[in-house]
C-alpha atoms as a PDB file:
ATOM      1  CA  UNK A   1       0.000   0.000   0.000  1.00  0.00           C
ATOM      2  CA  UNK A   2       1.549   3.311  -1.102  1.00  0.00           C
ATOM      3  CA  UNK A   3       1.909   5.914   1.665  1.00  0.00           C
ATOM      4  CA  UNK A   4      -0.672   8.610   0.927  1.00  0.00           C
ATOM      5  CA  UNK A   5      -1.759  10.463   4.044  1.00  0.00           C
ATOM      6  CA  UNK A   6      -2.885  10.305   7.656  1.00  0.00           C
ATOM      7  CA  UNK A   7      -6.606   9.837   8.192  1.00  0.00           C
ATOM      8  CA  UNK A   8      -8.626  10.303  11.408  1.00  0.00           C
ATOM      9  CA  UNK A   9      -9.190   6.921  13.033  1.00  0.00           C
ATOM     10  CA  UNK A  10     -11.481   5.899  15.890  1.00  0.00           C
ATOM     11  CA  UNK A  11     -12.277   2.720  17.771  1.00  0.00           C
ATOM     12  CA  UNK A  12     -15.711   2.840  19.375  1.00  0.00           C
ATOM     13  CA  UNK A  13     -17.709   0.552  21.632  1.00  0.00           C
ATOM     14  CA  UNK A  14     -21.332   0.126  20.507  1.00  0.00           C
ATOM     15  CA  UNK A  15     -24.281  -1.087  22.638  1.00  0.00           C
ATOM     16  CA  UNK A  16     -22.036  -0.767  25.672  1.00  0.00           C
ATOM     17  CA  UNK A  17     -23.110  -0.443  29.301  1.00  0.00           C
ATOM     18  CA  UNK A  18     -19.657   0.538  30.577  1.00  0.00           C
ATOM     19  CA  UNK A  19     -16.068   0.574  29.348  1.00  0.00           C
ATOM     20  CA  UNK A  20     -15.347  -2.267  26.888  1.00  0.00           C
ATOM     21  CA  UNK A  21     -18.698  -4.026  27.347  1.00  0.00           C
ATOM     22  CA  UNK A  22     -20.180  -3.732  23.843  1.00  0.00           C
ATOM     23  CA  UNK A  23     -19.080  -4.460  20.275  1.00  0.00           C
ATOM     24  CA  UNK A  24     -15.925  -2.704  19.012  1.00  0.00           C
ATOM     25  CA  UNK A  25     -15.827  -0.941  15.645  1.00  0.00           C
ATOM     26  CA  UNK A  26     -13.040   0.710  13.693  1.00  0.00           C
ATOM     27  CA  UNK A  27     -13.999   3.938  11.890  1.00  0.00           C
ATOM     28  CA  UNK A  28     -11.801   5.670   9.293  1.00  0.00           C
ATOM     29  CA  UNK A  29     -12.870   9.231   8.441  1.00  0.00           C
ATOM     30  CA  UNK A  30     -12.117  11.373   5.361  1.00  0.00           C
ATOM     31  CA  UNK A  31     -11.720   8.165   3.374  1.00  0.00           C
ATOM     32  CA  UNK A  32     -12.665   9.451  -0.085  1.00  0.00           C
ATOM     33  CA  UNK A  33      -9.133   8.928  -1.394  1.00  0.00           C
ATOM     34  CA  UNK A  34      -9.050   5.235  -0.514  1.00  0.00           C
ATOM     35  CA  UNK A  35      -9.725   2.518  -3.070  1.00  0.00           C
ATOM     36  CA  UNK A  36     -11.978  -0.454  -2.374  1.00  0.00           C
ATOM     37  CA  UNK A  37      -8.877  -2.632  -2.207  1.00  0.00           C
ATOM     38  CA  UNK A  38      -7.301  -0.364   0.409  1.00  0.00           C
ATOM     39  CA  UNK A  39     -10.482  -0.354   2.496  1.00  0.00           C
ATOM     40  CA  UNK A  40     -10.644  -4.137   2.409  1.00  0.00           C
ATOM     41  CA  UNK A  41      -6.972  -4.417   3.349  1.00  0.00           C
ATOM     42  CA  UNK A  42      -7.448  -2.075   6.315  1.00  0.00           C
ATOM     43  CA  UNK A  43     -10.538  -3.985   7.504  1.00  0.00           C
ATOM     44  CA  UNK A  44      -8.627  -7.251   7.240  1.00  0.00           C
ATOM     45  CA  UNK A  45      -5.800  -5.737   9.273  1.00  0.00           C
ATOM     46  CA  UNK A  46      -7.944  -4.222  12.053  1.00  0.00           C
ATOM     47  CA  UNK A  47      -9.713  -7.612  12.218  1.00  0.00           C
ATOM     48  CA  UNK A  48     -12.835  -6.219  13.892  1.00  0.00           C
ATOM     49  CA  UNK A  49     -16.127  -7.806  12.900  1.00  0.00           C
ATOM     50  CA  UNK A  50     -16.613  -4.590  10.884  1.00  0.00           C
ATOM     51  CA  UNK A  51     -14.603  -1.497  10.004  1.00  0.00           C
ATOM     52  CA  UNK A  52     -16.290   1.498   8.382  1.00  0.00           C
ATOM     53  CA  UNK A  53     -15.137   4.320   6.123  1.00  0.00           C
ATOM     54  CA  UNK A  54     -16.779   7.763   6.169  1.00  0.00           C
ATOM     55  CA  UNK A  55     -17.173   9.389   2.763  1.00  0.00           C
ATOM     56  CA  UNK A  56     -18.843  12.384   1.144  1.00  0.00           C
ATOM     57  CA  UNK A  57     -22.445  11.514   0.248  1.00  0.00           C
ATOM     58  CA  UNK A  58     -23.594  10.870  -3.304  1.00  0.00           C
ATOM     59  CA  UNK A  59     -27.285  11.088  -2.479  1.00  0.00           C
ATOM     60  CA  UNK A  60     -28.291  14.754  -2.008  1.00  0.00           C
ATOM     61  CA  UNK A  61     -30.559  13.747   0.897  1.00  0.00           C
ATOM     62  CA  UNK A  62     -27.726  12.071   2.831  1.00  0.00           C
ATOM     63  CA  UNK A  63     -25.504  13.679   5.466  1.00  0.00           C
ATOM     64  CA  UNK A  64     -22.621  11.287   4.819  1.00  0.00           C
ATOM     65  CA  UNK A  65     -21.881   7.980   3.111  1.00  0.00           C
ATOM     66  CA  UNK A  66     -20.416   4.914   4.783  1.00  0.00           C
ATOM     67  CA  UNK A  67     -18.867   1.728   3.432  1.00  0.00           C
ATOM     68  CA  UNK A  68     -18.866  -1.250   5.781  1.00  0.00           C
ATOM     69  CA  UNK A  69     -16.267  -4.022   5.565  1.00  0.00           C
ATOM     70  CA  UNK A  70     -15.710  -7.259   7.449  1.00  0.00           C
ATOM     71  CA  UNK A  71     -12.175  -8.697   7.351  1.00  0.00           C
ATOM     72  CA  UNK A  72     -13.237 -10.619   4.224  1.00  0.00           C
ATOM     73  CA  UNK A  73     -15.939  -8.655   2.355  1.00  0.00           C
ATOM     74  CA  UNK A  74     -18.131  -5.556   2.102  1.00  0.00           C
ATOM     75  CA  UNK A  75     -21.646  -5.440   3.618  1.00  0.00           C
ATOM     76  CA  UNK A  76     -24.576  -3.377   2.289  1.00  0.00           C
ATOM     77  CA  UNK A  77     -25.756  -2.643   5.851  1.00  0.00           C
ATOM     78  CA  UNK A  78     -24.934  -3.544   9.432  1.00  0.00           C
ATOM     79  CA  UNK A  79     -26.308  -2.284  12.731  1.00  0.00           C
ATOM     80  CA  UNK A  80     -23.500  -1.532  15.154  1.00  0.00           C
ATOM     81  CA  UNK A  81     -21.388   0.025  12.347  1.00  0.00           C
ATOM     82  CA  UNK A  82     -24.313   2.347  11.602  1.00  0.00           C
ATOM     83  CA  UNK A  83     -24.537   3.643  15.182  1.00  0.00           C
ATOM     84  CA  UNK A  84     -20.769   3.839  15.628  1.00  0.00           C
ATOM     85  CA  UNK A  85     -20.243   5.672  12.345  1.00  0.00           C
ATOM     86  CA  UNK A  86     -22.973   8.202  13.162  1.00  0.00           C
ATOM     87  CA  UNK A  87     -21.363   8.892  16.538  1.00  0.00           C
ATOM     88  CA  UNK A  88     -17.929   9.483  14.984  1.00  0.00           C
ATOM     89  CA  UNK A  89     -19.418  11.708  12.274  1.00  0.00           C
ATOM     90  CA  UNK A  90     -20.992  13.867  14.975  1.00  0.00           C
ATOM     91  CA  UNK A  91     -17.765  13.831  17.026  1.00  0.00           C
ATOM     92  CA  UNK A  92     -15.973  15.270  13.968  1.00  0.00           C
ATOM     93  CA  UNK A  93     -18.423  18.158  13.814  1.00  0.00           C
ATOM     94  CA  UNK A  94     -21.016  16.748  11.443  1.00  0.00           C
ATOM     95  CA  UNK A  95     -24.320  18.644  11.502  1.00  0.00           C
ATOM     96  CA  UNK A  96     -27.435  16.939  10.082  1.00  0.00           C
ATOM     97  CA  UNK A  97     -29.311  18.677   7.286  1.00  0.00           C
ATOM     98  CA  UNK A  98     -32.499  18.068   9.265  1.00  0.00           C
ATOM     99  CA  UNK A  99     -32.205  18.822  12.975  1.00  0.00           C
ATOM    100  CA  UNK A 100     -32.259  15.711  15.143  1.00  0.00           C
ATOM    101  CA  UNK A 101     -32.250  13.243  12.222  1.00  0.00           C
ATOM    102  CA  UNK A 102     -29.121  11.887  10.512  1.00  0.00           C
ATOM    103  CA  UNK A 103     -29.450  10.402   7.043  1.00  0.00           C
ATOM    104  CA  UNK A 104     -26.764   7.791   6.406  1.00  0.00           C
ATOM    105  CA  UNK A 105     -26.094   6.604   2.885  1.00  0.00           C
ATOM    106  CA  UNK A 106     -24.840   3.037   2.522  1.00  0.00           C
ATOM    107  CA  UNK A 107     -25.022   0.311  -0.124  1.00  0.00           C
ATOM    108  CA  UNK A 108     -28.486  -0.669   1.147  1.00  0.00           C
ATOM    109  CA  UNK A 109     -29.772   2.900   0.618  1.00  0.00           C
ATOM    110  CA  UNK A 110     -30.618   5.653   3.093  1.00  0.00           C
ATOM    111  CA  UNK A 111     -30.814   4.748   6.792  1.00  0.00           C
ATOM    112  CA  UNK A 112     -32.381   7.187   9.237  1.00  0.00           C
ATOM    113  CA  UNK A 113     -30.610   7.660  12.574  1.00  0.00           C
ATOM    114  CA  UNK A 114     -31.782   9.716  15.519  1.00  0.00           C
ATOM    115  CA  UNK A 115     -29.963  10.888  18.617  1.00  0.00           C
ATOM    116  CA  UNK A 116     -31.338   9.586  21.905  1.00  0.00           C
ATOM    117  CA  UNK A 117     -30.817  10.905  25.421  1.00  0.00           C
ATOM    118  CA  UNK A 118     -28.013   8.364  25.619  1.00  0.00           C
ATOM    119  CA  UNK A 119     -26.649   7.113  22.312  1.00  0.00           C
ATOM    120  CA  UNK A 120     -28.302   6.695  18.935  1.00  0.00           C
ATOM    121  CA  UNK A 121     -30.962   4.572  17.226  1.00  0.00           C
ATOM    122  CA  UNK A 122     -31.377   3.541  13.597  1.00  0.00           C
ATOM    123  CA  UNK A 123     -34.542   2.749  11.673  1.00  0.00           C
ATOM    124  CA  UNK A 124     -34.398  -0.934  10.753  1.00  0.00           C
ATOM    125  CA  UNK A 125     -34.422  -1.404   6.966  1.00  0.00           C
ATOM    126  CA  UNK A 126     -37.232  -3.494   5.447  1.00  0.00           C
ATOM    127  CA  UNK A 127     -36.592  -7.232   5.327  1.00  0.00           C
ATOM    128  CA  UNK A 128     -35.287  -8.571   2.032  1.00  0.00           C
ATOM    129  CA  UNK A 129     -36.148 -12.126   3.049  1.00  0.00           C
ATOM    130  CA  UNK A 130     -38.343 -13.620   5.754  1.00  0.00           C
ATOM    131  CA  UNK A 131     -40.342 -16.780   6.380  1.00  0.00           C
ATOM    132  CA  UNK A 132     -39.477 -20.154   7.946  1.00  0.00           C
ATOM    133  CA  UNK A 133     -36.210 -21.994   7.409  1.00  0.00           C
ATOM    134  CA  UNK A 134     -36.377 -25.098   5.253  1.00  0.00           C
ATOM    135  CA  UNK A 135     -35.505 -28.569   6.516  1.00  0.00           C
ATOM    136  CA  UNK A 136     -31.937 -28.466   5.218  1.00  0.00           C
ATOM    137  CA  UNK A 137     -31.335 -25.117   6.898  1.00  0.00           C
ATOM    138  CA  UNK A 138     -32.881 -26.360  10.136  1.00  0.00           C
ATOM    139  CA  UNK A 139     -30.597 -29.394  10.064  1.00  0.00           C
ATOM    140  CA  UNK A 140     -27.590 -27.115   9.611  1.00  0.00           C
ATOM    141  CA  UNK A 141     -28.655 -24.897  12.513  1.00  0.00           C
ATOM    142  CA  UNK A 142     -29.403 -27.711  14.962  1.00  0.00           C
ATOM    143  CA  UNK A 143     -26.199 -29.587  14.130  1.00  0.00           C
ATOM    144  CA  UNK A 144     -24.104 -26.465  14.719  1.00  0.00           C
ATOM    145  CA  UNK A 145     -25.888 -25.480  17.941  1.00  0.00           C
ATOM    146  CA  UNK A 146     -25.880 -29.047  19.273  1.00  0.00           C
ATOM    147  CA  UNK A 147     -29.646 -29.152  19.844  1.00  0.00           C
ATOM    148  CA  UNK A 148     -32.662 -31.014  18.474  1.00  0.00           C
ATOM    149  CA  UNK A 149     -35.453 -29.555  16.372  1.00  0.00           C
ATOM    150  CA  UNK A 150     -37.823 -30.107  19.299  1.00  0.00           C
ATOM    151  CA  UNK A 151     -35.870 -27.519  21.290  1.00  0.00           C
ATOM    152  CA  UNK A 152     -36.687 -24.794  18.746  1.00  0.00           C
ATOM    153  CA  UNK A 153     -39.925 -22.980  19.521  1.00  0.00           C
ATOM    154  CA  UNK A 154     -39.952 -20.994  16.268  1.00  0.00           C
ATOM    155  CA  UNK A 155     -37.654 -20.141  13.359  1.00  0.00           C
ATOM    156  CA  UNK A 156     -37.509 -17.611  10.538  1.00  0.00           C
ATOM    157  CA  UNK A 157     -35.251 -15.795   8.123  1.00  0.00           C
ATOM    158  CA  UNK A 158     -34.546 -12.177   9.008  1.00  0.00           C
ATOM    159  CA  UNK A 159     -32.556 -10.640   6.182  1.00  0.00           C
ATOM    160  CA  UNK A 160     -32.110  -6.848   6.291  1.00  0.00           C
ATOM    161  CA  UNK A 161     -28.689  -6.824   4.641  1.00  0.00           C
ATOM    162  CA  UNK A 162     -26.853  -9.563   6.504  1.00  0.00           C
ATOM    163  CA  UNK A 163     -29.075 -12.652   6.172  1.00  0.00           C
ATOM    164  CA  UNK A 164     -29.884 -14.089   9.605  1.00  0.00           C
ATOM    165  CA  UNK A 165     -31.331 -17.546  10.215  1.00  0.00           C
ATOM    166  CA  UNK A 166     -33.207 -16.865  13.465  1.00  0.00           C
ATOM    167  CA  UNK A 167     -34.342 -19.435  16.017  1.00  0.00           C
ATOM    168  CA  UNK A 168     -36.151 -19.027  19.317  1.00  0.00           C
ATOM    169  CA  UNK A 169     -35.373 -21.382  22.198  1.00  0.00           C
ATOM    170  CA  UNK A 170     -37.395 -22.029  25.351  1.00  0.00           C
ATOM    171  CA  UNK A 171     -35.574 -19.562  27.598  1.00  0.00           C
ATOM    172  CA  UNK A 172     -32.684 -17.151  27.990  1.00  0.00           C
ATOM    173  CA  UNK A 173     -30.947 -19.789  30.091  1.00  0.00           C
ATOM    174  CA  UNK A 174     -31.082 -22.261  27.182  1.00  0.00           C
ATOM    175  CA  UNK A 175     -29.534 -19.622  24.916  1.00  0.00           C
ATOM    176  CA  UNK A 176     -26.734 -18.867  27.352  1.00  0.00           C
ATOM    177  CA  UNK A 177     -25.988 -22.593  27.792  1.00  0.00           C
ATOM    178  CA  UNK A 178     -25.343 -23.214  24.084  1.00  0.00           C
ATOM    179  CA  UNK A 179     -21.868 -24.554  23.249  1.00  0.00           C
ATOM    180  CA  UNK A 180     -21.577 -24.634  19.437  1.00  0.00           C
ATOM    181  CA  UNK A 181     -18.618 -26.440  17.905  1.00  0.00           C
ATOM    182  CA  UNK A 182     -17.000 -25.681  14.565  1.00  0.00           C
ATOM    183  CA  UNK A 183     -18.033 -23.100  11.997  1.00  0.00           C
ATOM    184  CA  UNK A 184     -21.578 -21.796  11.587  1.00  0.00           C
ATOM    185  CA  UNK A 185     -22.884 -22.817   8.133  1.00  0.00           C
ATOM    186  CA  UNK A 186     -25.178 -19.753   8.091  1.00  0.00           C
ATOM    187  CA  UNK A 187     -25.404 -16.469   9.964  1.00  0.00           C
ATOM    188  CA  UNK A 188     -27.355 -17.777  12.951  1.00  0.00           C
ATOM    189  CA  UNK A 189     -29.202 -15.666  15.505  1.00  0.00           C
ATOM    190  CA  UNK A 190     -30.645 -17.233  18.655  1.00  0.00           C
ATOM    191  CA  UNK A 191     -33.036 -15.703  21.188  1.00  0.00           C
ATOM    192  CA  UNK A 192     -34.712 -16.926  24.371  1.00  0.00           C
ATOM    193  CA  UNK A 193     -37.153 -15.082  26.615  1.00  0.00           C
ATOM    194  CA  UNK A 194     -36.473 -14.115  30.230  1.00  0.00           C
ATOM    195  CA  UNK A 195     -39.243 -15.067  32.658  1.00  0.00           C
ATOM    196  CA  UNK A 196     -38.569 -11.880  34.606  1.00  0.00           C
ATOM    197  CA  UNK A 197     -36.078  -9.054  34.800  1.00  0.00           C
ATOM    198  CA  UNK A 198     -35.357  -5.843  32.927  1.00  0.00           C
ATOM    199  CA  UNK A 199     -34.708  -7.392  29.499  1.00  0.00           C
ATOM    200  CA  UNK A 200     -37.157  -9.254  27.253  1.00  0.00           C
ATOM    201  CA  UNK A 201     -34.750 -11.856  25.910  1.00  0.00           C
ATOM    202  CA  UNK A 202     -31.127 -12.941  25.537  1.00  0.00           C
ATOM    203  CA  UNK A 203     -29.498 -12.917  22.090  1.00  0.00           C
ATOM    204  CA  UNK A 204     -26.519 -14.723  20.591  1.00  0.00           C
ATOM    205  CA  UNK A 205     -25.180 -14.339  17.039  1.00  0.00           C
ATOM    206  CA  UNK A 206     -22.874 -16.758  15.231  1.00  0.00           C
ATOM    207  CA  UNK A 207     -21.002 -16.040  11.994  1.00  0.00           C
ATOM    208  CA  UNK A 208     -18.463 -18.558  10.741  1.00  0.00           C
ATOM    209  CA  UNK A 209     -16.100 -19.521  13.556  1.00  0.00           C
ATOM    210  CA  UNK A 210     -16.858 -16.456  15.681  1.00  0.00           C
ATOM    211  CA  UNK A 211     -19.624 -15.208  17.967  1.00  0.00           C
ATOM    212  CA  UNK A 212     -20.537 -11.547  17.556  1.00  0.00           C
ATOM    213  CA  UNK A 213     -20.644  -9.681  20.892  1.00  0.00           C
ATOM    214  CA  UNK A 214     -23.657  -7.428  20.155  1.00  0.00           C
ATOM    215  CA  UNK A 215     -25.429  -7.297  16.797  1.00  0.00           C
ATOM    216  CA  UNK A 216     -27.596  -4.430  15.540  1.00  0.00           C
ATOM    217  CA  UNK A 217     -28.877  -5.959  12.296  1.00  0.00           C
ATOM    218  CA  UNK A 218     -29.893  -9.209  14.008  1.00  0.00           C
ATOM    219  CA  UNK A 219     -31.634  -7.390  16.834  1.00  0.00           C
ATOM    220  CA  UNK A 220     -33.582  -5.336  14.324  1.00  0.00           C
ATOM    221  CA  UNK A 221     -34.764  -8.458  12.522  1.00  0.00           C
ATOM    222  CA  UNK A 222     -35.511 -10.242  15.798  1.00  0.00           C
ATOM    223  CA  UNK A 223     -37.583  -7.295  17.007  1.00  0.00           C
ATOM    224  CA  UNK A 224     -39.624  -7.282  13.795  1.00  0.00           C
ATOM    225  CA  UNK A 225     -40.208 -11.033  14.234  1.00  0.00           C
ATOM    226  CA  UNK A 226     -41.071 -10.785  17.932  1.00  0.00           C
ATOM    227  CA  UNK A 227     -43.437  -7.859  17.424  1.00  0.00           C
ATOM    228  CA  UNK A 228     -45.211  -9.623  14.565  1.00  0.00           C
ATOM    229  CA  UNK A 229     -46.026 -12.462  16.994  1.00  0.00           C
ATOM    230  CA  UNK A 230     -47.011 -10.113  19.848  1.00  0.00           C
ATOM    231  CA  UNK A 231     -44.312 -11.477  22.147  1.00  0.00           C
ATOM    232  CA  UNK A 232     -42.897  -8.127  23.251  1.00  0.00           C
ATOM    233  CA  UNK A 233     -44.258  -4.623  23.999  1.00  0.00           C
ATOM    234  CA  UNK A 234     -43.675  -1.613  21.759  1.00  0.00           C
ATOM    235  CA  UNK A 235     -40.694  -0.501  23.869  1.00  0.00           C
ATOM    236  CA  UNK A 236     -38.268  -2.941  25.502  1.00  0.00           C
ATOM    237  CA  UNK A 237     -34.612  -3.980  25.802  1.00  0.00           C
ATOM    238  CA  UNK A 238     -32.664  -7.108  24.908  1.00  0.00           C
ATOM    239  CA  UNK A 239     -29.296  -8.291  26.198  1.00  0.00           C
ATOM    240  CA  UNK A 240     -26.416  -9.816  24.255  1.00  0.00           C
ATOM    241  CA  UNK A 241     -22.776 -10.634  24.832  1.00  0.00           C
ATOM    242  CA  UNK A 242     -22.991 -12.543  28.115  1.00  0.00           C
ATOM    243  CA  UNK A 243     -21.273 -15.606  26.635  1.00  0.00           C
ATOM    244  CA  UNK A 244     -18.455 -13.357  25.360  1.00  0.00           C
ATOM    245  CA  UNK A 245     -17.927 -11.653  28.719  1.00  0.00           C
ATOM    246  CA  UNK A 246     -19.683  -8.493  27.516  1.00  0.00           C
ATOM    247  CA  UNK A 247     -22.793  -6.727  28.806  1.00  0.00           C
ATOM    248  CA  UNK A 248     -24.437  -5.316  25.710  1.00  0.00           C
ATOM    249  CA  UNK A 249     -27.918  -3.792  25.881  1.00  0.00           C
ATOM    250  CA  UNK A 250     -30.068  -3.054  22.841  1.00  0.00           C
ATOM    251  CA  UNK A 251     -33.013  -0.663  23.066  1.00  0.00           C
ATOM    252  CA  UNK A 252     -35.958  -1.493  20.769  1.00  0.00           C
ATOM    253  CA  UNK A 253     -38.913   0.733  19.972  1.00  0.00           C
ATOM    254  CA  UNK A 254     -41.810   0.109  17.587  1.00  0.00           C
ATOM    255  CA  UNK A 255     -42.914   3.580  16.529  1.00  0.00           C
ATOM    256  CA  UNK A 256     -46.143   3.055  14.552  1.00  0.00           C
ATOM    257  CA  UNK A 257     -44.614   0.257  12.516  1.00  0.00           C
ATOM    258  CA  UNK A 258     -41.082   1.684  12.253  1.00  0.00           C
ATOM    259  CA  UNK A 259     -38.706  -0.394  14.347  1.00  0.00           C
ATOM    260  CA  UNK A 260     -35.856   1.540  15.977  1.00  0.00           C
ATOM    261  CA  UNK A 261     -32.700  -0.167  17.269  1.00  0.00           C
ATOM    262  CA  UNK A 262     -30.679   1.889  19.724  1.00  0.00           C
ATOM    263  CA  UNK A 263     -27.784   1.741  22.125  1.00  0.00           C
ATOM    264  CA  UNK A 264     -24.955   3.659  23.740  1.00  0.00           C
ATOM    265  CA  UNK A 265     -21.733   4.435  21.849  1.00  0.00           C
ATOM    266  CA  UNK A 266     -18.392   5.262  23.475  1.00  0.00           C
ATOM    267  CA  UNK A 267     -15.116   6.351  21.849  1.00  0.00           C
ATOM    268  CA  UNK A 268     -12.307   4.196  23.245  1.00  0.00           C
ATOM    269  CA  UNK A 269      -9.444   5.097  20.885  1.00  0.00           C
ATOM    270  CA  UNK A 270      -8.842   8.121  18.668  1.00  0.00           C
ATOM    271  CA  UNK A 271      -5.811   8.875  16.534  1.00  0.00           C
ATOM    272  CA  UNK A 272      -4.528   8.725  12.962  1.00  0.00           C
ATOM    273  CA  UNK A 273      -4.246   5.926  10.440  1.00  0.00           C
ATOM    274  CA  UNK A 274      -1.245   6.058   8.108  1.00  0.00           C
ATOM    275  CA  UNK A 275      -2.202   4.903   4.598  1.00  0.00           C
END
């Protein structure tokens, strides 16, 4: 990679409840001069689940544009990168065209983001794919999770960019007790309800050989699924990350059919990236 310049670089913690309790994200600002190949190389090097790049918008209605990369590929949309990128954009002095509402441009289109009293929330994009898993997919999920089909209360696709195969187990305790082995054959999201307590359910997300600490896109799809079956109120919280030693909290709100996914965002590292 040819030395070009120094770019503002941040590492932020999304859906956190304290220092280093959420999902980390790398954010590179002023990235218009980078090529796709450079972005992918940087994301592979940072090795976070996602690294984002802030760019000038192409859509006249957008406040900024973001490209989202995993260590291996680019995503059209992802949840915790959306909240983390919005926070960094504001930290760098970004002012929304419309007061109180940020319009993010990404490969999936425009995503609306609003500031909350603590943190940010994004409007969940419409589902590209939904409906029950087929028998082959169910077999793949149960084999990976080490459970039987009888232990699954319900299942569905929830694809809002990343395609999640979602399953509901009997309880939050069952979700926390899972011990998958090997590599997930699909992006698998698992939820189980709490009988009591401050959160509605526990969430775990599996992609390949890793478990994501706290996952915005999955929680958006899960909330749409849960609300459609009248299992949760219009406003509630979910927890994720317990099995990874984190304490992530996701705030969900159904606002007349628009599902908002919110959480706290904290800057943990700020500096410059030499490219």
